[in-house]
Amino acid sequence: MKHEFRENDRVRLTVEADGVAQVRLTRDAKLNALDRPMFAALIEVGQALFEIPGLRAVVLAGEGRAFCAGLDLAAMGSPNVSDGPLTERTYGNANLFQQVALQWRKLPVPVIAAVHGVCFGGGLQIAGGADIRVVAPDARLAVMELKWGIVPDMGGFALWRGLVREDVLRLLTYTHGEFSGAEALRDGFATLVDEDPLARATAIATEIAARSPHAIRSAKSLFNRSPDLPLDQILAAESVEQQRLLGTRNQTEAVASQMERRPGRFVDP
């Protein structure tokens, strides 16, 4: 049975029996726009995910008409001194606002974002933190920040690096031009386009959850580290991860289940 793990008026977290967590932004009356309670709720849920035993994949989506409309400027108001300076690193290498997007990349398991409706500004950066983004073809996306005289500062420049061609990203950032889900696939913001992004994202998460969880976590660790490593260190990191996996219970079970054409029976980390 699925487990209703946590819910407030901004975010709901449900953990399914197969280890797939469903995270929903639930401020649908405001198109899931980001206000202070939404930032706090996302941080709380993100921290909870790190502690869930048996977690194998995460699906991140918005309820109602949108994934996330970005920053709710009216609700956020002027910067609050109690928030501390943005330059303060309160979550490892990130501030609170950056952690809201980066925490999905930092999780040890894959995260699949299902994007529909609008996905603007901070919402686009949150989606960028996922490993995989499934986007509805008629979704509306934009790097919106320069419209308000600010820059993307929730990790977007790091998360989009290597995904979006730089000159395209510069154009969309400077002009805050809107683009569709189909165009997002072309430009690198989307991994897949699907008429039902939530169903597709859940199917992908379910498939991942059926694989060896140790191998999946090792693969994500390599993906996260390799962009910043020189070739020799990437090769060494591959060898270290492989050495850790070879001959383990889950690795031998992966081989046996394939040979016997049956689902794998894996143990969780």
C-alpha atoms as a PDB file:
ATOM      1  CA  MET A   1       0.000   0.000   0.000  1.00  0.00           C
ATOM      2  CA  LYS A   2       1.102   3.538  -0.593  1.00  0.00           C
ATOM      3  CA  HIS A   3       2.065   5.683   2.362  1.00  0.00           C
ATOM      4  CA  GLU A   4       0.796   9.252   2.769  1.00  0.00           C
ATOM      5  CA  PHE A   5       3.995  10.577   4.224  1.00  0.00           C
ATOM      6  CA  ARG A   6       3.546  14.322   4.529  1.00  0.00           C
ATOM      7  CA  GLU A   7       1.191  17.067   3.404  1.00  0.00           C
ATOM      8  CA  ASN A   8       0.635  20.778   4.002  1.00  0.00           C
ATOM      9  CA  ASP A   9      -1.118  23.488   1.999  1.00  0.00           C
ATOM     10  CA  ARG A  10       1.826  23.803  -0.394  1.00  0.00           C
ATOM     11  CA  VAL A  11       3.371  20.363  -1.040  1.00  0.00           C
ATOM     12  CA  ARG A  12       2.217  16.749  -0.687  1.00  0.00           C
ATOM     13  CA  LEU A  13       4.528  13.734  -0.509  1.00  0.00           C
ATOM     14  CA  THR A  14       3.270  10.187  -1.075  1.00  0.00           C
ATOM     15  CA  VAL A  15       5.537   7.141  -1.087  1.00  0.00           C
ATOM     16  CA  GLU A  16       4.303   4.162  -3.083  1.00  0.00           C
ATOM     17  CA  ALA A  17       4.946   0.544  -2.144  1.00  0.00           C
ATOM     18  CA  ASP A  18       7.526   0.187  -4.930  1.00  0.00           C
ATOM     19  CA  GLY A  19       9.662   2.988  -3.491  1.00  0.00           C
ATOM     20  CA  VAL A  20       8.488   5.684  -5.901  1.00  0.00           C
ATOM     21  CA  ALA A  21       7.783   8.998  -4.169  1.00  0.00           C
ATOM     22  CA  GLN A  22       5.158  11.281  -5.674  1.00  0.00           C
ATOM     23  CA  VAL A  23       5.752  14.954  -4.829  1.00  0.00           C
ATOM     24  CA  ARG A  24       3.041  17.456  -5.712  1.00  0.00           C
ATOM     25  CA  LEU A  25       3.037  21.232  -5.548  1.00  0.00           C
ATOM     26  CA  THR A  26      -0.474  21.928  -4.275  1.00  0.00           C
ATOM     27  CA  ARG A  27      -0.905  25.702  -4.408  1.00  0.00           C
ATOM     28  CA  ASP A  28      -2.961  25.253  -7.552  1.00  0.00           C
ATOM     29  CA  ALA A  29      -5.140  28.344  -6.993  1.00  0.00           C
ATOM     30  CA  LYS A  30      -1.958  30.387  -7.631  1.00  0.00           C
ATOM     31  CA  LEU A  31      -0.566  28.098 -10.353  1.00  0.00           C
ATOM     32  CA  ASN A  32       1.829  26.726  -7.727  1.00  0.00           C
ATOM     33  CA  ALA A  33       3.724  30.012  -7.616  1.00  0.00           C
ATOM     34  CA  LEU A  34       6.601  30.213  -5.164  1.00  0.00           C
ATOM     35  CA  ASP A  35       5.958  32.136  -1.955  1.00  0.00           C
ATOM     36  CA  ARG A  36       7.787  31.818   1.357  1.00  0.00           C
ATOM     37  CA  PRO A  37       5.636  28.921   2.652  1.00  0.00           C
ATOM     38  CA  MET A  38       6.174  27.096  -0.667  1.00  0.00           C
ATOM     39  CA  PHE A  39       9.955  27.475  -0.381  1.00  0.00           C
ATOM     40  CA  ALA A  40       9.830  26.206   3.214  1.00  0.00           C
ATOM     41  CA  ALA A  41       7.580  23.271   2.292  1.00  0.00           C
ATOM     42  CA  LEU A  42       9.791  22.229  -0.619  1.00  0.00           C
ATOM     43  CA  ILE A  43      12.874  22.292   1.593  1.00  0.00           C
ATOM     44  CA  GLU A  44      11.065  20.242   4.237  1.00  0.00           C
ATOM     45  CA  VAL A  45       9.949  17.627   1.723  1.00  0.00           C
ATOM     46  CA  GLY A  46      13.379  17.529   0.096  1.00  0.00           C
ATOM     47  CA  GLN A  47      15.026  16.862   3.448  1.00  0.00           C
ATOM     48  CA  ALA A  48      12.459  14.170   4.214  1.00  0.00           C
ATOM     49  CA  LEU A  49      13.238  12.399   0.937  1.00  0.00           C
ATOM     50  CA  PHE A  50      16.882  12.012   1.929  1.00  0.00           C
ATOM     51  CA  GLU A  51      15.758  10.058   5.003  1.00  0.00           C
ATOM     52  CA  ILE A  52      13.137   7.716   3.493  1.00  0.00           C
ATOM     53  CA  PRO A  53      14.313   4.078   3.581  1.00  0.00           C
ATOM     54  CA  GLY A  54      13.755   2.161   0.371  1.00  0.00           C
ATOM     55  CA  LEU A  55      13.392   5.270  -1.806  1.00  0.00           C
ATOM     56  CA  ARG A  56      14.071   4.372  -5.446  1.00  0.00           C
ATOM     57  CA  ALA A  57      12.759   7.238  -7.592  1.00  0.00           C
ATOM     58  CA  VAL A  58      10.828  10.508  -7.312  1.00  0.00           C
ATOM     59  CA  VAL A  59       8.139  12.014  -9.544  1.00  0.00           C
ATOM     60  CA  LEU A  60       7.807  15.789  -9.182  1.00  0.00           C
ATOM     61  CA  ALA A  61       4.705  17.538 -10.547  1.00  0.00           C
ATOM     62  CA  GLY A  62       2.245  20.350  -9.952  1.00  0.00           C
ATOM     63  CA  GLU A  63      -1.463  19.968  -9.273  1.00  0.00           C
ATOM     64  CA  GLY A  64      -4.140  21.914 -11.101  1.00  0.00           C
ATOM     65  CA  ARG A  65      -3.395  23.937 -14.211  1.00  0.00           C
ATOM     66  CA  ALA A  66       0.371  24.307 -13.937  1.00  0.00           C
ATOM     67  CA  PHE A  67       3.697  22.916 -12.839  1.00  0.00           C
ATOM     68  CA  CYS A  68       4.890  26.203 -11.302  1.00  0.00           C
ATOM     69  CA  ALA A  69       4.360  29.820 -12.373  1.00  0.00           C
ATOM     70  CA  GLY A  70       7.616  30.948 -10.761  1.00  0.00           C
ATOM     71  CA  LEU A  71       8.098  33.534  -8.058  1.00  0.00           C
ATOM     72  CA  ASP A  72       4.985  35.052  -6.500  1.00  0.00           C
ATOM     73  CA  LEU A  73       6.324  38.607  -6.333  1.00  0.00           C
ATOM     74  CA  ALA A  74       3.273  39.960  -4.523  1.00  0.00           C
ATOM     75  CA  ALA A  75       3.546  37.342  -1.786  1.00  0.00           C
ATOM     76  CA  MET A  76       7.330  37.487  -1.474  1.00  0.00           C
ATOM     77  CA  GLY A  77       7.486  41.281  -1.136  1.00  0.00           C
ATOM     78  CA  SER A  78      10.799  42.926  -0.378  1.00  0.00           C
ATOM     79  CA  PRO A  79      13.754  40.825   0.743  1.00  0.00           C
ATOM     80  CA  ASN A  80      13.550  40.153   4.463  1.00  0.00           C
ATOM     81  CA  VAL A  81      16.586  40.743   6.608  1.00  0.00           C
ATOM     82  CA  SER A  82      15.750  37.568   8.528  1.00  0.00           C
ATOM     83  CA  ASP A  83      16.345  35.568   5.361  1.00  0.00           C
ATOM     84  CA  GLY A  84      20.025  36.459   5.522  1.00  0.00           C
ATOM     85  CA  PRO A  85      22.158  37.518   2.555  1.00  0.00           C
ATOM     86  CA  LEU A  86      21.779  35.504  -0.627  1.00  0.00           C
ATOM     87  CA  THR A  87      25.546  35.007  -0.618  1.00  0.00           C
ATOM     88  CA  GLU A  88      25.344  32.962   2.589  1.00  0.00           C
ATOM     89  CA  ARG A  89      25.732  29.215   1.957  1.00  0.00           C
ATOM     90  CA  THR A  90      23.136  27.663   4.255  1.00  0.00           C
ATOM     91  CA  TYR A  91      22.755  24.311   2.443  1.00  0.00           C
ATOM     92  CA  GLY A  92      26.247  23.138   1.623  1.00  0.00           C
ATOM     93  CA  ASN A  93      27.123  24.921  -1.604  1.00  0.00           C
ATOM     94  CA  ALA A  94      23.723  26.659  -1.917  1.00  0.00           C
ATOM     95  CA  ASN A  95      21.432  29.176  -0.283  1.00  0.00           C
ATOM     96  CA  LEU A  96      17.833  28.274   0.542  1.00  0.00           C
ATOM     97  CA  PHE A  97      16.418  29.324  -2.830  1.00  0.00           C
ATOM     98  CA  GLN A  98      19.082  27.432  -4.779  1.00  0.00           C
ATOM     99  CA  GLN A  99      18.586  24.349  -2.622  1.00  0.00           C
ATOM    100  CA  VAL A 100      14.908  24.229  -3.640  1.00  0.00           C
ATOM    101  CA  ALA A 101      16.054  23.458  -7.198  1.00  0.00           C
ATOM    102  CA  LEU A 102      19.372  21.726  -6.535  1.00  0.00           C
ATOM    103  CA  GLN A 103      18.050  19.260  -3.940  1.00  0.00           C
ATOM    104  CA  TRP A 104      16.492  17.106  -6.667  1.00  0.00           C
ATOM    105  CA  ARG A 105      19.893  16.740  -8.322  1.00  0.00           C
ATOM    106  CA  LYS A 106      21.517  16.071  -4.938  1.00  0.00           C
ATOM    107  CA  LEU A 107      19.113  13.240  -4.054  1.00  0.00           C
ATOM    108  CA  PRO A 108      20.811   9.857  -4.519  1.00  0.00           C
ATOM    109  CA  VAL A 109      17.898   8.522  -6.623  1.00  0.00           C
ATOM    110  CA  PRO A 110      16.577   9.700 -10.011  1.00  0.00           C
ATOM    111  CA  VAL A 111      13.960  12.454 -10.094  1.00  0.00           C
ATOM    112  CA  ILE A 112      11.529  12.776 -13.000  1.00  0.00           C
ATOM    113  CA  ALA A 113       9.671  16.075 -13.399  1.00  0.00           C
ATOM    114  CA  ALA A 114       6.269  16.070 -15.113  1.00  0.00           C
ATOM    115  CA  VAL A 115       5.634  19.536 -16.531  1.00  0.00           C
ATOM    116  CA  HIS A 116       2.296  20.858 -17.764  1.00  0.00           C
ATOM    117  CA  GLY A 117       0.631  24.253 -18.009  1.00  0.00           C
ATOM    118  CA  VAL A 118       3.046  27.073 -17.177  1.00  0.00           C
ATOM    119  CA  CYS A 119       6.613  26.570 -16.006  1.00  0.00           C
ATOM    120  CA  PHE A 120       8.188  29.984 -15.563  1.00  0.00           C
ATOM    121  CA  GLY A 121      11.261  31.365 -13.824  1.00  0.00           C
ATOM    122  CA  GLY A 122      11.900  29.535 -10.570  1.00  0.00           C
ATOM    123  CA  GLY A 123       9.598  26.742 -11.699  1.00  0.00           C
ATOM    124  CA  LEU A 124      11.798  26.159 -14.729  1.00  0.00           C
ATOM    125  CA  GLN A 125      14.850  26.011 -12.484  1.00  0.00           C
ATOM    126  CA  ILE A 126      13.155  23.507 -10.164  1.00  0.00           C
ATOM    127  CA  ALA A 127      12.342  21.328 -13.174  1.00  0.00           C
ATOM    128  CA  GLY A 128      15.964  21.723 -14.230  1.00  0.00           C
ATOM    129  CA  GLY A 129      17.030  20.029 -11.016  1.00  0.00           C
ATOM    130  CA  ALA A 130      15.363  16.774 -12.076  1.00  0.00           C
ATOM    131  CA  ASP A 131      17.295  14.037 -13.861  1.00  0.00           C
ATOM    132  CA  ILE A 132      14.582  13.770 -16.521  1.00  0.00           C
ATOM    133  CA  ARG A 133      11.873  16.231 -17.615  1.00  0.00           C
ATOM    134  CA  VAL A 134       8.702  15.034 -19.334  1.00  0.00           C
ATOM    135  CA  VAL A 135       6.871  18.062 -20.735  1.00  0.00           C
ATOM    136  CA  ALA A 136       3.437  18.451 -22.287  1.00  0.00           C
ATOM    137  CA  PRO A 137       3.698  19.708 -25.891  1.00  0.00           C
ATOM    138  CA  ASP A 138       1.444  22.691 -25.141  1.00  0.00           C
ATOM    139  CA  ALA A 139       3.193  23.644 -21.900  1.00  0.00           C
ATOM    140  CA  ARG A 140       4.365  27.255 -21.654  1.00  0.00           C
ATOM    141  CA  LEU A 141       7.897  27.802 -20.406  1.00  0.00           C
ATOM    142  CA  ALA A 142      10.112  30.857 -19.938  1.00  0.00           C
ATOM    143  CA  VAL A 143      13.315  32.033 -18.311  1.00  0.00           C
ATOM    144  CA  MET A 144      11.312  34.858 -16.795  1.00  0.00           C
ATOM    145  CA  GLU A 145      13.627  36.613 -14.354  1.00  0.00           C
ATOM    146  CA  LEU A 146      14.921  39.478 -16.505  1.00  0.00           C
ATOM    147  CA  LYS A 147      11.334  40.629 -16.994  1.00  0.00           C
ATOM    148  CA  TRP A 148      11.468  41.652 -13.319  1.00  0.00           C
ATOM    149  CA  GLY A 149      14.984  43.083 -13.430  1.00  0.00           C
ATOM    150  CA  ILE A 150      16.668  40.096 -11.788  1.00  0.00           C
ATOM    151  CA  VAL A 151      18.630  37.054 -12.982  1.00  0.00           C
ATOM    152  CA  PRO A 152      18.005  33.307 -12.603  1.00  0.00           C
ATOM    153  CA  ASP A 153      19.540  32.562  -9.198  1.00  0.00           C
ATOM    154  CA  MET A 154      18.079  29.215  -8.116  1.00  0.00           C
ATOM    155  CA  GLY A 155      20.863  27.209  -9.720  1.00  0.00           C
ATOM    156  CA  GLY A 156      19.631  27.591 -13.283  1.00  0.00           C
ATOM    157  CA  PHE A 157      23.011  28.467 -14.768  1.00  0.00           C
ATOM    158  CA  ALA A 158      24.486  25.299 -13.262  1.00  0.00           C
ATOM    159  CA  LEU A 159      21.506  23.041 -13.972  1.00  0.00           C
ATOM    160  CA  TRP A 160      21.061  24.099 -17.611  1.00  0.00           C
ATOM    161  CA  ARG A 161      24.788  23.837 -18.348  1.00  0.00           C
ATOM    162  CA  GLY A 162      25.290  21.047 -20.839  1.00  0.00           C
ATOM    163  CA  LEU A 163      21.541  20.711 -21.494  1.00  0.00           C
ATOM    164  CA  VAL A 164      20.717  23.913 -23.366  1.00  0.00           C
ATOM    165  CA  ARG A 165      22.859  25.373 -26.117  1.00  0.00           C
ATOM    166  CA  GLU A 166      24.472  28.449 -24.625  1.00  0.00           C
ATOM    167  CA  ASP A 167      23.480  30.963 -27.299  1.00  0.00           C
ATOM    168  CA  VAL A 168      19.871  29.742 -27.140  1.00  0.00           C
ATOM    169  CA  LEU A 169      19.914  30.068 -23.353  1.00  0.00           C
ATOM    170  CA  ARG A 170      21.325  33.583 -23.640  1.00  0.00           C
ATOM    171  CA  LEU A 171      18.590  34.579 -26.085  1.00  0.00           C
ATOM    172  CA  LEU A 172      15.789  33.164 -23.921  1.00  0.00           C
ATOM    173  CA  THR A 173      17.272  34.714 -20.782  1.00  0.00           C
ATOM    174  CA  TYR A 174      17.859  38.189 -22.224  1.00  0.00           C
ATOM    175  CA  THR A 175      14.418  38.363 -23.863  1.00  0.00           C
ATOM    176  CA  HIS A 176      12.410  36.233 -21.362  1.00  0.00           C
ATOM    177  CA  GLY A 177      10.677  34.831 -24.438  1.00  0.00           C
ATOM    178  CA  GLU A 178       8.053  32.146 -23.936  1.00  0.00           C
ATOM    179  CA  PHE A 179       8.441  28.748 -25.597  1.00  0.00           C
ATOM    180  CA  SER A 180       6.347  25.579 -25.863  1.00  0.00           C
ATOM    181  CA  GLY A 181       6.979  22.064 -24.639  1.00  0.00           C
ATOM    182  CA  ALA A 182       7.826  20.997 -28.173  1.00  0.00           C
ATOM    183  CA  GLU A 183      10.369  23.821 -28.416  1.00  0.00           C
ATOM    184  CA  ALA A 184      11.721  22.895 -24.979  1.00  0.00           C
ATOM    185  CA  LEU A 185      12.567  19.448 -26.337  1.00  0.00           C
ATOM    186  CA  ARG A 186      14.390  20.988 -29.278  1.00  0.00           C
ATOM    187  CA  ASP A 187      16.349  23.381 -27.081  1.00  0.00           C
ATOM    188  CA  GLY A 188      17.271  20.941 -24.295  1.00  0.00           C
ATOM    189  CA  PHE A 189      14.962  22.027 -21.475  1.00  0.00           C
ATOM    190  CA  ALA A 190      12.874  18.856 -21.934  1.00  0.00           C
ATOM    191  CA  THR A 191      13.922  15.216 -22.147  1.00  0.00           C
ATOM    192  CA  LEU A 192      10.638  13.928 -23.571  1.00  0.00           C
ATOM    193  CA  VAL A 193       7.364  15.424 -24.760  1.00  0.00           C
ATOM    194  CA  ASP A 194       4.149  13.611 -23.879  1.00  0.00           C
ATOM    195  CA  GLU A 195       0.456  14.494 -23.861  1.00  0.00           C
ATOM    196  CA  ASP A 196       0.228  12.993 -20.363  1.00  0.00           C
ATOM    197  CA  PRO A 197       3.532  13.923 -18.720  1.00  0.00           C
ATOM    198  CA  LEU A 198       2.558  12.673 -15.267  1.00  0.00           C
ATOM    199  CA  ALA A 199       1.651   9.192 -16.510  1.00  0.00           C
ATOM    200  CA  ARG A 200       4.849   9.011 -18.570  1.00  0.00           C
ATOM    201  CA  ALA A 201       6.988  10.245 -15.685  1.00  0.00           C
ATOM    202  CA  THR A 202       5.417   7.717 -13.320  1.00  0.00           C
ATOM    203  CA  ALA A 203       5.991   4.909 -15.823  1.00  0.00           C
ATOM    204  CA  ILE A 204       9.660   5.862 -16.061  1.00  0.00           C
ATOM    205  CA  ALA A 205       9.981   6.024 -12.270  1.00  0.00           C
ATOM    206  CA  THR A 206       8.305   2.613 -11.943  1.00  0.00           C
ATOM    207  CA  GLU A 207      10.751   1.123 -14.448  1.00  0.00           C
ATOM    208  CA  ILE A 208      13.705   2.631 -12.576  1.00  0.00           C
ATOM    209  CA  ALA A 209      12.345   1.327  -9.267  1.00  0.00           C
ATOM    210  CA  ALA A 210      12.452  -2.213 -10.659  1.00  0.00           C
ATOM    211  CA  ARG A 211      16.235  -2.010 -11.270  1.00  0.00           C
ATOM    212  CA  SER A 212      19.038  -2.649  -8.792  1.00  0.00           C
ATOM    213  CA  PRO A 213      18.869   0.366  -6.456  1.00  0.00           C
ATOM    214  CA  HIS A 214      22.586   0.254  -5.757  1.00  0.00           C
ATOM    215  CA  ALA A 215      23.441   0.390  -9.466  1.00  0.00           C
ATOM    216  CA  ILE A 216      20.973   3.224 -10.041  1.00  0.00           C
ATOM    217  CA  ARG A 217      22.469   5.261  -7.195  1.00  0.00           C
ATOM    218  CA  SER A 218      25.992   4.616  -8.441  1.00  0.00           C
ATOM    219  CA  ALA A 219      25.014   5.745 -11.938  1.00  0.00           C
ATOM    220  CA  LYS A 220      23.466   8.967 -10.610  1.00  0.00           C
ATOM    221  CA  SER A 221      26.552   9.646  -8.525  1.00  0.00           C
ATOM    222  CA  LEU A 222      28.721   9.298 -11.633  1.00  0.00           C
ATOM    223  CA  PHE A 223      26.431  11.559 -13.649  1.00  0.00           C
ATOM    224  CA  ASN A 224      26.568  14.211 -10.926  1.00  0.00           C
ATOM    225  CA  ARG A 225      30.339  14.142 -10.550  1.00  0.00           C
ATOM    226  CA  SER A 226      31.613  13.624 -14.092  1.00  0.00           C
ATOM    227  CA  PRO A 227      30.935  17.108 -15.574  1.00  0.00           C
ATOM    228  CA  ASP A 228      33.437  18.686 -13.169  1.00  0.00           C
ATOM    229  CA  LEU A 229      36.125  16.003 -13.304  1.00  0.00           C
ATOM    230  CA  PRO A 230      39.053  15.595 -15.707  1.00  0.00           C
ATOM    231  CA  LEU A 231      39.135  12.452 -17.820  1.00  0.00           C
ATOM    232  CA  ASP A 232      41.503  10.501 -15.568  1.00  0.00           C
ATOM    233  CA  GLN A 233      39.311  11.084 -12.522  1.00  0.00           C
ATOM    234  CA  ILE A 234      36.144  10.103 -14.397  1.00  0.00           C
ATOM    235  CA  LEU A 235      37.743   6.825 -15.435  1.00  0.00           C
ATOM    236  CA  ALA A 236      38.898   6.187 -11.878  1.00  0.00           C
ATOM    237  CA  ALA A 237      35.436   7.006 -10.474  1.00  0.00           C
ATOM    238  CA  GLU A 238      33.805   4.549 -12.899  1.00  0.00           C
ATOM    239  CA  SER A 239      36.169   1.813 -11.746  1.00  0.00           C
ATOM    240  CA  VAL A 240      35.537   2.517  -8.057  1.00  0.00           C
ATOM    241  CA  GLU A 241      31.753   2.372  -8.468  1.00  0.00           C
ATOM    242  CA  GLN A 242      31.949  -0.798 -10.552  1.00  0.00           C
ATOM    243  CA  GLN A 243      34.222  -2.487  -8.023  1.00  0.00           C
ATOM    244  CA  ARG A 244      31.681  -1.715  -5.298  1.00  0.00           C
ATOM    245  CA  LEU A 245      28.868  -3.317  -7.304  1.00  0.00           C
ATOM    246  CA  LEU A 246      30.492  -6.461  -8.716  1.00  0.00           C
ATOM    247  CA  GLY A 247      29.598  -9.624  -6.850  1.00  0.00           C
ATOM    248  CA  THR A 248      27.128  -7.976  -4.498  1.00  0.00           C
ATOM    249  CA  ARG A 249      23.741  -9.522  -3.804  1.00  0.00           C
ATOM    250  CA  ASN A 250      21.902  -7.024  -5.987  1.00  0.00           C
ATOM    251  CA  GLN A 251      24.369  -7.350  -8.853  1.00  0.00           C
ATOM    252  CA  THR A 252      24.142 -11.129  -8.956  1.00  0.00           C
ATOM    253  CA  GLU A 253      20.354 -10.891  -8.594  1.00  0.00           C
ATOM    254  CA  ALA A 254      20.246  -8.537 -11.605  1.00  0.00           C
ATOM    255  CA  VAL A 255      22.025 -11.152 -13.708  1.00  0.00           C
ATOM    256  CA  ALA A 256      19.888 -14.022 -12.381  1.00  0.00           C
ATOM    257  CA  SER A 257      16.604 -12.200 -12.964  1.00  0.00           C
ATOM    258  CA  GLN A 258      17.566 -11.407 -16.550  1.00  0.00           C
ATOM    259  CA  MET A 259      18.652 -14.966 -17.243  1.00  0.00           C
ATOM    260  CA  GLU A 260      15.460 -16.346 -15.688  1.00  0.00           C
ATOM    261  CA  ARG A 261      13.243 -13.691 -17.323  1.00  0.00           C
ATOM    262  CA  ARG A 262      11.605 -12.591 -14.085  1.00  0.00           C
ATOM    263  CA  PRO A 263      11.398  -9.397 -12.052  1.00  0.00           C
ATOM    264  CA  GLY A 264      14.402  -8.730  -9.868  1.00  0.00           C
ATOM    265  CA  ARG A 265      14.143  -9.170  -6.106  1.00  0.00           C
ATOM    266  CA  PHE A 266      16.435  -6.456  -4.849  1.00  0.00           C
ATOM    267  CA  VAL A 267      17.317  -5.273  -1.359  1.00  0.00           C
ATOM    268  CA  ASP A 268      17.384  -1.559  -0.611  1.00  0.00           C
ATOM    269  CA  PRO A 269      20.516   0.381   0.374  1.00  0.00           C
END
